[in-house]
C-alpha cells in the first residue's frame, strides 16, 4: 500500500484529523455585506465568550462614480480593515436571486471585489444566507433591517445603533461565530 501512495504511509496520505478552525475565543471575524454603493463591514472578537465589536462601517460611493471606481474603493478600504484588525476568518452574505438582472450583475461585481481582496489576504471565506443570519440573530428569518440592527446593538453592547449595512455585516460575523460554537451538523458553507 505504501508503494501505491507514492512512498507515503496511509496515515500521511489520509490524515485522520482534519483541520478545524480555531476556537471561537481566539477568532477575529470580519463580516461583509457587499453592495456597490454601500458595502457594510464589521469586525468582532471574542473575549471570554463575549463578542466585542472592534470596527464597523459602510464603504459608501456616490451615485455619480463609475462602477470601476467604486470597486477599487471597496478593495482599498477592505485592505485597510484587514491591515488594521487582522481578522482570522471572513463571512459574506450568501447569494440571493435578484429579480433585476442588471442589479444582480452589479451586486456580483461588488461581492467579487470584496471576496478577491479577502482571498488575496489568505483568509478562509464563508457565506451565510440572509434568512439564516436573521434567524440566528433575531429568531425570525424574515425580520426587518431595523430589528437586526437593534439586536446587533444589544448583543455587542454598542452605544449607538449601527448603520443598516454595518449592522448586517456585524450580524453575519455574530451568526458565523454562533454557528461555529455549536456542535451541530450545520457547517457554514466555505467558498
N, C-alpha and C. Protein backbone atom coordinates (compact mmCIF):
# COMPACT_ATOMS: atom_id res chain seq x y z
N UNK A 1 0.83 -1.19 0.00
CA UNK A 1 0.00 0.00 0.00
C UNK A 1 0.87 1.25 0.00
N UNK A 2 2.02 1.18 0.69
CA UNK A 2 2.92 2.32 0.75
C UNK A 2 3.40 2.70 -0.66
N UNK A 3 3.64 1.71 -1.51
CA UNK A 3 4.07 1.99 -2.88
C UNK A 3 2.96 2.69 -3.67
N UNK A 4 1.75 2.23 -3.52
CA UNK A 4 0.63 2.83 -4.25
C UNK A 4 0.41 4.27 -3.88
N UNK A 5 0.76 4.64 -2.68
CA UNK A 5 0.57 6.01 -2.22
C UNK A 5 1.80 6.87 -2.46
N UNK A 6 2.72 6.39 -3.27
CA UNK A 6 3.89 7.19 -3.62
C UNK A 6 4.88 7.33 -2.48
N UNK A 7 5.07 6.28 -1.69
CA UNK A 7 6.04 6.32 -0.62
C UNK A 7 5.50 6.83 0.70
N UNK A 8 4.26 7.30 0.71
CA UNK A 8 3.67 7.81 1.96
C UNK A 8 2.90 6.70 2.65
N UNK A 9 2.91 6.74 3.93
CA UNK A 9 2.08 5.80 4.67
C UNK A 9 0.63 6.24 4.53
N UNK A 10 -0.27 5.34 4.77
CA UNK A 10 -1.69 5.68 4.63
C UNK A 10 -2.08 6.81 5.58
N UNK A 11 -1.46 6.90 6.72
CA UNK A 11 -1.78 7.96 7.69
C UNK A 11 -1.38 9.32 7.14
N UNK A 12 -0.23 9.39 6.41
CA UNK A 12 0.21 10.65 5.83
C UNK A 12 -0.69 11.06 4.68
N UNK A 13 -1.11 10.10 3.88
CA UNK A 13 -1.93 10.41 2.71
C UNK A 13 -3.36 10.77 3.09
N UNK A 14 -3.86 10.15 4.13
CA UNK A 14 -5.24 10.39 4.54
C UNK A 14 -5.26 10.67 6.04
N UNK A 15 -4.94 11.88 6.43
CA UNK A 15 -4.89 12.15 7.87
C UNK A 15 -6.24 11.93 8.53
N UNK A 16 -6.20 11.36 9.72
CA UNK A 16 -7.43 11.11 10.46
C UNK A 16 -7.98 12.38 11.07
N UNK A 17 -7.11 13.31 11.37
CA UNK A 17 -7.53 14.57 11.99
C UNK A 17 -7.59 15.63 10.90
N UNK A 18 -8.75 16.20 10.71
CA UNK A 18 -8.88 17.26 9.73
C UNK A 18 -8.62 18.61 10.38
N UNK A 19 -8.31 19.59 9.56
CA UNK A 19 -8.03 20.93 10.07
C UNK A 19 -9.33 21.57 10.53
N UNK A 20 -9.37 21.93 11.78
CA UNK A 20 -10.54 22.59 12.34
C UNK A 20 -10.22 24.05 12.56
N UNK A 21 -11.23 24.93 12.47
CA UNK A 21 -10.98 26.33 12.76
C UNK A 21 -10.56 26.52 14.21
N UNK A 22 -9.91 27.63 14.47
CA UNK A 22 -9.54 27.96 15.84
C UNK A 22 -10.78 28.06 16.70
N UNK A 23 -10.66 27.82 17.99
CA UNK A 23 -11.82 28.01 18.85
C UNK A 23 -12.33 29.45 18.72
N UNK A 24 -13.63 29.60 18.88
CA UNK A 24 -14.24 30.92 18.70
C UNK A 24 -13.55 31.98 19.56
N UNK A 25 -13.07 31.61 20.74
CA UNK A 25 -12.46 32.57 21.65
C UNK A 25 -11.21 33.23 21.05
N UNK A 26 -10.55 32.58 20.09
CA UNK A 26 -9.33 33.11 19.51
C UNK A 26 -9.56 33.75 18.14
N UNK A 27 -10.78 33.86 17.72
CA UNK A 27 -11.07 34.36 16.38
C UNK A 27 -11.39 35.84 16.35
N UNK A 28 -10.95 36.45 15.28
CA UNK A 28 -11.41 37.79 14.93
C UNK A 28 -12.12 37.60 13.59
N UNK A 29 -13.40 37.91 13.57
CA UNK A 29 -14.25 37.62 12.41
C UNK A 29 -14.61 38.91 11.70
N UNK A 30 -14.42 38.91 10.38
CA UNK A 30 -14.81 40.02 9.52
C UNK A 30 -16.08 39.64 8.78
N UNK A 31 -17.13 40.42 8.95
CA UNK A 31 -18.37 40.22 8.22
C UNK A 31 -18.47 41.27 7.12
N UNK A 32 -18.94 40.86 5.94
CA UNK A 32 -19.07 41.79 4.82
C UNK A 32 -20.45 41.64 4.19
N UNK A 33 -21.14 42.77 4.06
CA UNK A 33 -22.43 42.85 3.37
C UNK A 33 -22.19 43.65 2.09
N UNK A 34 -21.88 42.98 0.97
CA UNK A 34 -21.44 43.69 -0.23
C UNK A 34 -22.55 44.39 -1.00
N UNK A 35 -22.23 45.57 -1.48
CA UNK A 35 -23.10 46.35 -2.34
C UNK A 35 -22.23 47.40 -3.03
N UNK A 36 -22.55 47.77 -4.24
CA UNK A 36 -21.71 48.71 -4.97
C UNK A 36 -21.68 50.08 -4.30
N UNK A 37 -22.80 50.57 -3.85
CA UNK A 37 -22.86 51.92 -3.28
C UNK A 37 -22.74 51.96 -1.76
N UNK A 38 -22.86 50.81 -1.11
CA UNK A 38 -22.79 50.80 0.36
C UNK A 38 -22.42 49.44 0.90
N UNK A 39 -21.15 49.08 0.84
CA UNK A 39 -20.67 47.80 1.37
C UNK A 39 -20.48 47.93 2.87
N UNK A 40 -21.20 47.13 3.63
CA UNK A 40 -21.05 47.14 5.08
C UNK A 40 -19.96 46.18 5.51
N UNK A 41 -19.25 46.57 6.57
CA UNK A 41 -18.26 45.68 7.15
C UNK A 41 -18.35 45.75 8.67
N UNK A 42 -17.99 44.66 9.31
CA UNK A 42 -17.99 44.61 10.77
C UNK A 42 -16.95 43.61 11.23
N UNK A 43 -16.19 44.00 12.24
CA UNK A 43 -15.14 43.14 12.78
C UNK A 43 -15.45 42.91 14.25
N UNK A 44 -15.51 41.62 14.64
CA UNK A 44 -15.75 41.29 16.05
C UNK A 44 -14.67 40.34 16.55
N UNK A 45 -14.49 40.36 17.86
CA UNK A 45 -13.56 39.47 18.56
C UNK A 45 -14.29 38.95 19.79
N UNK A 46 -13.90 37.77 20.22
CA UNK A 46 -14.49 37.21 21.43
C UNK A 46 -13.52 37.29 22.58
N UNK A 47 -14.00 37.82 23.69
CA UNK A 47 -13.24 37.87 24.92
C UNK A 47 -14.05 37.11 25.97
N UNK A 48 -13.52 35.96 26.38
CA UNK A 48 -14.21 35.12 27.35
C UNK A 48 -15.65 34.81 26.92
N UNK A 49 -15.79 34.41 25.67
CA UNK A 49 -17.07 34.04 25.05
C UNK A 49 -18.03 35.21 24.88
N UNK A 50 -17.55 36.43 25.07
CA UNK A 50 -18.39 37.61 24.88
C UNK A 50 -17.93 38.33 23.62
N UNK A 51 -18.85 38.55 22.67
CA UNK A 51 -18.44 39.25 21.44
C UNK A 51 -18.20 40.74 21.69
N UNK A 52 -17.14 41.24 21.07
CA UNK A 52 -16.79 42.66 21.19
C UNK A 52 -16.60 43.21 19.78
N UNK A 53 -17.26 44.31 19.49
CA UNK A 53 -17.11 44.95 18.18
C UNK A 53 -15.79 45.72 18.15
N UNK A 54 -14.95 45.43 17.17
CA UNK A 54 -13.69 46.14 17.01
C UNK A 54 -13.85 47.31 16.04
N UNK A 55 -14.65 47.09 15.00
CA UNK A 55 -14.86 48.14 14.00
C UNK A 55 -16.09 47.80 13.18
N UNK A 56 -16.74 48.81 12.67
CA UNK A 56 -17.84 48.60 11.74
C UNK A 56 -18.07 49.89 10.97
N UNK A 57 -18.62 49.75 9.79
CA UNK A 57 -18.89 50.93 8.99
C UNK A 57 -19.42 50.56 7.62
N UNK A 58 -19.56 51.58 6.80
CA UNK A 58 -20.07 51.40 5.44
C UNK A 58 -19.11 52.05 4.48
N UNK A 59 -18.73 51.31 3.45
CA UNK A 59 -17.90 51.85 2.38
C UNK A 59 -18.86 52.45 1.36
N UNK A 60 -19.02 53.77 1.41
CA UNK A 60 -20.01 54.45 0.56
C UNK A 60 -19.36 55.02 -0.69
N UNK A 61 -20.09 54.94 -1.79
CA UNK A 61 -19.66 55.50 -3.06
C UNK A 61 -20.80 56.34 -3.64
N UNK A 62 -20.51 57.57 -4.06
CA UNK A 62 -21.55 58.42 -4.64
C UNK A 62 -22.14 57.82 -5.92
N UNK A 63 -23.38 58.16 -6.19
CA UNK A 63 -24.08 57.62 -7.36
C UNK A 63 -23.43 58.01 -8.67
N UNK A 64 -22.70 59.14 -8.70
CA UNK A 64 -22.10 59.58 -9.96
C UNK A 64 -20.74 58.93 -10.24
N UNK A 65 -20.23 58.10 -9.33
CA UNK A 65 -18.97 57.40 -9.57
C UNK A 65 -19.19 56.24 -10.52
N UNK A 66 -18.19 55.98 -11.37
CA UNK A 66 -18.25 54.81 -12.25
C UNK A 66 -18.13 53.56 -11.37
N UNK A 67 -18.65 52.45 -11.88
CA UNK A 67 -18.59 51.20 -11.12
C UNK A 67 -17.15 50.81 -10.81
N UNK A 68 -16.26 50.99 -11.78
CA UNK A 68 -14.86 50.60 -11.56
C UNK A 68 -14.24 51.37 -10.40
N UNK A 69 -14.59 52.63 -10.27
CA UNK A 69 -14.06 53.44 -9.16
C UNK A 69 -14.60 52.94 -7.82
N UNK A 70 -15.87 52.55 -7.79
CA UNK A 70 -16.47 52.00 -6.57
C UNK A 70 -15.80 50.68 -6.19
N UNK A 71 -15.57 49.82 -7.17
CA UNK A 71 -14.94 48.53 -6.90
C UNK A 71 -13.53 48.71 -6.35
N UNK A 72 -12.80 49.68 -6.90
CA UNK A 72 -11.46 49.97 -6.39
C UNK A 72 -11.51 50.48 -4.95
N UNK A 73 -12.51 51.32 -4.64
CA UNK A 73 -12.63 51.84 -3.28
C UNK A 73 -12.97 50.72 -2.29
N UNK A 74 -13.87 49.81 -2.70
CA UNK A 74 -14.23 48.68 -1.84
C UNK A 74 -12.98 47.87 -1.52
N UNK A 75 -12.18 47.57 -2.55
CA UNK A 75 -10.96 46.78 -2.33
C UNK A 75 -9.98 47.50 -1.42
N UNK A 76 -9.76 48.78 -1.65
CA UNK A 76 -8.79 49.52 -0.86
C UNK A 76 -9.22 49.65 0.60
N UNK A 77 -10.48 49.96 0.82
CA UNK A 77 -10.97 50.11 2.20
C UNK A 77 -10.90 48.78 2.95
N UNK A 78 -11.23 47.68 2.27
CA UNK A 78 -11.14 46.37 2.92
C UNK A 78 -9.69 46.00 3.23
N UNK A 79 -8.77 46.37 2.35
CA UNK A 79 -7.35 46.15 2.64
C UNK A 79 -6.95 46.89 3.91
N UNK A 80 -7.44 48.11 4.07
CA UNK A 80 -7.15 48.88 5.28
C UNK A 80 -7.70 48.20 6.53
N UNK A 81 -8.94 47.70 6.44
CA UNK A 81 -9.56 46.99 7.57
C UNK A 81 -8.76 45.72 7.90
N UNK A 82 -8.36 44.99 6.87
CA UNK A 82 -7.57 43.77 7.07
C UNK A 82 -6.24 44.08 7.76
N UNK A 83 -5.58 45.13 7.31
CA UNK A 83 -4.29 45.51 7.88
C UNK A 83 -4.43 45.93 9.33
N UNK A 84 -5.46 46.70 9.63
CA UNK A 84 -5.63 47.23 10.98
C UNK A 84 -6.08 46.17 12.00
N UNK A 85 -7.02 45.30 11.61
CA UNK A 85 -7.62 44.39 12.58
C UNK A 85 -7.17 42.94 12.46
N UNK A 86 -6.56 42.58 11.35
CA UNK A 86 -6.03 41.24 11.10
C UNK A 86 -7.01 40.13 11.48
N UNK A 87 -8.17 40.09 10.83
CA UNK A 87 -9.13 39.03 11.11
C UNK A 87 -8.57 37.67 10.72
N UNK A 88 -9.12 36.63 11.32
CA UNK A 88 -8.68 35.27 11.04
C UNK A 88 -9.63 34.55 10.08
N UNK A 89 -10.82 35.08 9.90
CA UNK A 89 -11.81 34.47 9.02
C UNK A 89 -12.77 35.55 8.54
N UNK A 90 -13.39 35.30 7.39
CA UNK A 90 -14.35 36.25 6.82
C UNK A 90 -15.64 35.53 6.49
N UNK A 91 -16.75 36.24 6.66
CA UNK A 91 -18.06 35.69 6.28
C UNK A 91 -18.80 36.76 5.47
N UNK A 92 -19.36 36.34 4.34
CA UNK A 92 -20.10 37.25 3.46
C UNK A 92 -21.54 36.79 3.35
N UNK A 93 -22.37 37.73 2.98
CA UNK A 93 -23.77 37.42 2.76
C UNK A 93 -23.90 36.47 1.58
N UNK A 94 -24.71 35.43 1.73
CA UNK A 94 -24.91 34.46 0.67
C UNK A 94 -25.62 35.07 -0.53
N UNK A 95 -25.48 34.41 -1.64
CA UNK A 95 -26.12 34.87 -2.87
C UNK A 95 -27.63 34.85 -2.74
N UNK A 96 -28.26 35.80 -3.38
CA UNK A 96 -29.70 35.81 -3.45
C UNK A 96 -30.07 36.00 -4.91
N UNK A 97 -31.29 35.70 -5.25
CA UNK A 97 -31.72 35.79 -6.63
C UNK A 97 -32.48 37.08 -6.84
N UNK A 98 -31.81 38.03 -7.48
CA UNK A 98 -32.43 39.32 -7.74
C UNK A 98 -33.40 39.19 -8.91
N UNK A 99 -34.47 39.95 -8.85
CA UNK A 99 -35.43 39.94 -9.94
C UNK A 99 -34.90 40.71 -11.14
N UNK A 100 -34.02 41.67 -10.89
CA UNK A 100 -33.46 42.50 -11.93
C UNK A 100 -32.05 42.00 -12.26
N UNK A 101 -31.83 41.58 -13.50
CA UNK A 101 -30.55 41.03 -13.92
C UNK A 101 -29.42 42.05 -13.77
N UNK A 102 -29.68 43.29 -14.11
CA UNK A 102 -28.65 44.33 -14.01
C UNK A 102 -28.22 44.52 -12.55
N UNK A 103 -29.18 44.53 -11.64
CA UNK A 103 -28.88 44.65 -10.21
C UNK A 103 -28.05 43.46 -9.73
N UNK A 104 -28.41 42.27 -10.18
CA UNK A 104 -27.67 41.06 -9.79
C UNK A 104 -26.23 41.12 -10.26
N UNK A 105 -26.00 41.60 -11.47
CA UNK A 105 -24.64 41.71 -12.01
C UNK A 105 -23.83 42.72 -11.20
N UNK A 106 -24.43 43.86 -10.91
CA UNK A 106 -23.72 44.91 -10.14
C UNK A 106 -23.40 44.41 -8.73
N UNK A 107 -24.35 43.73 -8.10
CA UNK A 107 -24.11 43.16 -6.77
C UNK A 107 -23.00 42.12 -6.83
N UNK A 108 -23.01 41.32 -7.88
CA UNK A 108 -21.97 40.31 -8.06
C UNK A 108 -20.60 40.92 -8.22
N UNK A 109 -20.53 42.07 -8.91
CA UNK A 109 -19.25 42.75 -9.07
C UNK A 109 -18.71 43.22 -7.72
N UNK A 110 -19.57 43.82 -6.90
CA UNK A 110 -19.15 44.30 -5.58
C UNK A 110 -18.73 43.13 -4.70
N UNK A 111 -19.49 42.06 -4.75
CA UNK A 111 -19.17 40.86 -3.97
C UNK A 111 -17.84 40.27 -4.43
N UNK A 112 -17.63 40.25 -5.74
CA UNK A 112 -16.38 39.73 -6.29
C UNK A 112 -15.17 40.56 -5.88
N UNK A 113 -15.31 41.89 -5.90
CA UNK A 113 -14.21 42.77 -5.48
C UNK A 113 -13.86 42.52 -4.02
N UNK A 114 -14.88 42.39 -3.18
CA UNK A 114 -14.65 42.15 -1.76
C UNK A 114 -14.01 40.78 -1.55
N UNK A 115 -14.54 39.75 -2.18
CA UNK A 115 -14.03 38.40 -1.98
C UNK A 115 -12.61 38.24 -2.51
N UNK A 116 -12.30 38.88 -3.64
CA UNK A 116 -10.94 38.80 -4.19
C UNK A 116 -9.95 39.43 -3.23
N UNK A 117 -10.32 40.55 -2.63
CA UNK A 117 -9.45 41.23 -1.67
C UNK A 117 -9.21 40.36 -0.44
N UNK A 118 -10.27 39.74 0.05
CA UNK A 118 -10.16 38.88 1.23
C UNK A 118 -9.34 37.64 0.91
N UNK A 119 -9.59 37.02 -0.24
CA UNK A 119 -8.85 35.83 -0.65
C UNK A 119 -7.37 36.16 -0.84
N UNK A 120 -7.10 37.33 -1.37
CA UNK A 120 -5.72 37.79 -1.57
C UNK A 120 -4.97 37.83 -0.23
N UNK A 121 -5.68 38.13 0.85
CA UNK A 121 -5.08 38.18 2.18
C UNK A 121 -4.93 36.79 2.80
N UNK A 122 -5.48 35.77 2.15
CA UNK A 122 -5.33 34.40 2.62
C UNK A 122 -6.35 33.94 3.64
N UNK A 123 -7.42 34.69 3.84
CA UNK A 123 -8.44 34.29 4.81
C UNK A 123 -9.39 33.26 4.22
N UNK A 124 -9.88 32.37 5.08
CA UNK A 124 -10.97 31.49 4.68
C UNK A 124 -12.22 32.35 4.59
N UNK A 125 -13.04 32.10 3.57
CA UNK A 125 -14.27 32.87 3.36
C UNK A 125 -15.45 31.92 3.44
N UNK A 126 -16.45 32.31 4.23
CA UNK A 126 -17.67 31.53 4.37
C UNK A 126 -18.84 32.40 3.95
N UNK A 127 -19.93 31.78 3.60
CA UNK A 127 -21.14 32.53 3.29
C UNK A 127 -22.31 31.98 4.09
N UNK A 128 -23.19 32.88 4.45
CA UNK A 128 -24.40 32.51 5.16
C UNK A 128 -25.56 33.22 4.48
N UNK A 129 -26.64 32.51 4.26
CA UNK A 129 -27.84 33.09 3.64
C UNK A 129 -28.44 34.13 4.58
N UNK A 130 -29.00 35.17 4.00
CA UNK A 130 -29.59 36.27 4.75
C UNK A 130 -30.64 35.77 5.74
N UNK A 131 -31.49 34.87 5.31
CA UNK A 131 -32.54 34.36 6.19
C UNK A 131 -31.95 33.64 7.41
N UNK A 132 -30.86 32.91 7.20
CA UNK A 132 -30.22 32.20 8.32
C UNK A 132 -29.60 33.18 9.31
N UNK A 133 -29.05 34.27 8.79
CA UNK A 133 -28.47 35.30 9.68
C UNK A 133 -29.57 35.91 10.53
N UNK A 134 -30.67 36.30 9.90
CA UNK A 134 -31.79 36.90 10.63
C UNK A 134 -32.35 35.92 11.66
N UNK A 135 -32.44 34.65 11.28
CA UNK A 135 -32.93 33.63 12.21
C UNK A 135 -31.99 33.50 13.41
N UNK A 136 -30.68 33.52 13.16
CA UNK A 136 -29.70 33.38 14.24
C UNK A 136 -29.68 34.59 15.17
N UNK A 137 -29.86 35.77 14.62
CA UNK A 137 -29.72 37.00 15.41
C UNK A 137 -31.04 37.43 16.05
N UNK A 138 -32.12 37.42 15.27
CA UNK A 138 -33.42 37.93 15.73
C UNK A 138 -34.37 36.80 16.13
N UNK A 139 -34.16 35.61 15.53
CA UNK A 139 -35.06 34.50 15.80
C UNK A 139 -36.18 34.39 14.78
N UNK A 140 -36.10 35.21 13.73
CA UNK A 140 -37.14 35.22 12.69
C UNK A 140 -36.46 35.51 11.36
N UNK A 141 -36.56 34.58 10.41
CA UNK A 141 -35.86 34.67 9.14
C UNK A 141 -36.28 35.79 8.22
N UNK A 142 -37.44 36.39 8.46
CA UNK A 142 -37.92 37.49 7.62
C UNK A 142 -37.93 38.81 8.39
N UNK A 143 -37.08 38.92 9.38
CA UNK A 143 -37.03 40.13 10.22
C UNK A 143 -36.63 41.35 9.40
N UNK A 144 -37.10 42.50 9.82
CA UNK A 144 -36.77 43.77 9.17
C UNK A 144 -35.35 44.18 9.55
N UNK A 145 -34.74 45.03 8.70
CA UNK A 145 -33.37 45.51 8.94
C UNK A 145 -33.24 46.20 10.30
N UNK A 146 -34.24 46.95 10.70
CA UNK A 146 -34.17 47.68 11.96
C UNK A 146 -34.11 46.72 13.15
N UNK A 147 -34.84 45.60 13.05
CA UNK A 147 -34.81 44.60 14.12
C UNK A 147 -33.43 43.97 14.23
N UNK A 148 -32.80 43.71 13.08
CA UNK A 148 -31.45 43.15 13.08
C UNK A 148 -30.48 44.15 13.71
N UNK A 149 -30.58 45.42 13.31
CA UNK A 149 -29.68 46.45 13.84
C UNK A 149 -29.83 46.60 15.36
N UNK A 150 -31.06 46.58 15.84
CA UNK A 150 -31.29 46.72 17.28
C UNK A 150 -30.74 45.52 18.06
N UNK A 151 -30.91 44.34 17.52
CA UNK A 151 -30.39 43.15 18.21
C UNK A 151 -28.87 43.13 18.18
N UNK A 152 -28.27 43.53 17.07
CA UNK A 152 -26.81 43.62 16.98
C UNK A 152 -26.30 44.63 18.01
N UNK A 153 -26.97 45.77 18.11
CA UNK A 153 -26.59 46.79 19.09
C UNK A 153 -26.62 46.21 20.50
N UNK A 154 -27.65 45.45 20.77
CA UNK A 154 -27.81 44.85 22.11
C UNK A 154 -26.75 43.77 22.36
N UNK A 155 -26.53 42.90 21.39
CA UNK A 155 -25.59 41.79 21.55
C UNK A 155 -24.15 42.27 21.73
N UNK A 156 -23.82 43.39 21.07
CA UNK A 156 -22.45 43.91 21.12
C UNK A 156 -22.30 45.08 22.10
N UNK A 157 -23.41 45.41 22.77
CA UNK A 157 -23.40 46.50 23.74
C UNK A 157 -22.87 47.81 23.13
N UNK A 158 -23.38 48.14 21.95
CA UNK A 158 -22.97 49.36 21.25
C UNK A 158 -23.76 50.55 21.77
N UNK A 159 -23.10 51.68 21.89
CA UNK A 159 -23.76 52.90 22.38
C UNK A 159 -24.81 53.39 21.38
N UNK A 160 -24.50 53.32 20.09
CA UNK A 160 -25.40 53.80 19.05
C UNK A 160 -25.83 52.66 18.14
N UNK A 161 -26.97 52.83 17.52
CA UNK A 161 -27.46 51.88 16.55
C UNK A 161 -26.55 51.92 15.32
N UNK A 162 -26.01 50.78 14.89
CA UNK A 162 -25.14 50.80 13.72
C UNK A 162 -25.94 51.08 12.45
N UNK A 163 -25.27 51.65 11.45
CA UNK A 163 -25.90 51.89 10.15
C UNK A 163 -26.39 50.55 9.59
N UNK A 164 -27.43 50.55 8.75
CA UNK A 164 -28.01 49.28 8.28
C UNK A 164 -27.02 48.30 7.65
N UNK A 165 -26.15 48.77 6.75
CA UNK A 165 -25.21 47.86 6.10
C UNK A 165 -24.16 47.35 7.08
N UNK A 166 -23.70 48.21 7.98
CA UNK A 166 -22.75 47.79 9.00
C UNK A 166 -23.39 46.81 9.97
N UNK A 167 -24.65 47.04 10.32
CA UNK A 167 -25.38 46.13 11.21
C UNK A 167 -25.50 44.75 10.58
N UNK A 168 -25.79 44.70 9.27
CA UNK A 168 -25.88 43.43 8.58
C UNK A 168 -24.54 42.69 8.58
N UNK A 169 -23.45 43.43 8.41
CA UNK A 169 -22.12 42.83 8.41
C UNK A 169 -21.77 42.29 9.81
N UNK A 170 -22.09 43.05 10.84
CA UNK A 170 -21.87 42.58 12.21
C UNK A 170 -22.72 41.35 12.50
N UNK A 171 -23.96 41.35 12.01
CA UNK A 171 -24.85 40.21 12.19
C UNK A 171 -24.28 38.96 11.53
N UNK A 172 -23.68 39.13 10.35
CA UNK A 172 -23.03 38.00 9.68
C UNK A 172 -21.92 37.42 10.54
N UNK A 173 -21.08 38.29 11.09
CA UNK A 173 -19.97 37.84 11.93
C UNK A 173 -20.49 37.13 13.18
N UNK A 174 -21.52 37.68 13.80
CA UNK A 174 -22.10 37.06 15.00
C UNK A 174 -22.72 35.70 14.67
N UNK A 175 -23.44 35.62 13.56
CA UNK A 175 -24.07 34.36 13.16
C UNK A 175 -23.02 33.30 12.87
N UNK A 176 -21.93 33.70 12.23
CA UNK A 176 -20.84 32.76 11.95
C UNK A 176 -20.24 32.24 13.26
N UNK A 177 -20.02 33.13 14.20
CA UNK A 177 -19.46 32.73 15.49
C UNK A 177 -20.41 31.78 16.21
N UNK A 178 -21.72 32.06 16.17
CA UNK A 178 -22.70 31.18 16.82
C UNK A 178 -22.69 29.81 16.16
N UNK A 179 -22.63 29.79 14.85
CA UNK A 179 -22.67 28.52 14.11
C UNK A 179 -21.44 27.68 14.43
N UNK A 180 -20.29 28.31 14.57
CA UNK A 180 -19.06 27.57 14.86
C UNK A 180 -18.93 27.17 16.31
N UNK A 181 -19.68 27.80 17.20
CA UNK A 181 -19.59 27.45 18.61
C UNK A 181 -20.49 26.27 18.95
N UNK A 182 -21.41 25.95 18.07
CA UNK A 182 -22.30 24.82 18.28
C UNK A 182 -21.63 23.53 17.87
N UNK A 183 -22.14 22.43 18.39
CA UNK A 183 -21.63 21.13 17.98
C UNK A 183 -22.67 20.44 17.10
N UNK A 184 -23.29 21.21 16.22
CA UNK A 184 -24.32 20.68 15.34
C UNK A 184 -23.75 20.24 14.01
N UNK A 185 -24.63 19.88 13.15
CA UNK A 185 -24.23 19.38 11.82
C UNK A 185 -24.28 20.47 10.76
N UNK A 186 -24.73 21.66 11.09
CA UNK A 186 -24.82 22.74 10.12
C UNK A 186 -23.46 23.42 9.99
N UNK A 187 -22.65 22.94 9.07
CA UNK A 187 -21.33 23.53 8.85
C UNK A 187 -21.49 24.70 7.88
N UNK A 188 -20.92 25.88 8.22
CA UNK A 188 -21.04 27.01 7.31
C UNK A 188 -20.41 26.68 5.96
N UNK A 189 -20.98 27.23 4.90
CA UNK A 189 -20.50 26.96 3.56
C UNK A 189 -19.24 27.77 3.29
N UNK A 190 -18.14 27.06 3.05
CA UNK A 190 -16.87 27.72 2.76
C UNK A 190 -16.78 27.95 1.26
N UNK A 191 -16.36 29.16 0.88
CA UNK A 191 -16.25 29.47 -0.55
C UNK A 191 -14.84 29.90 -0.89
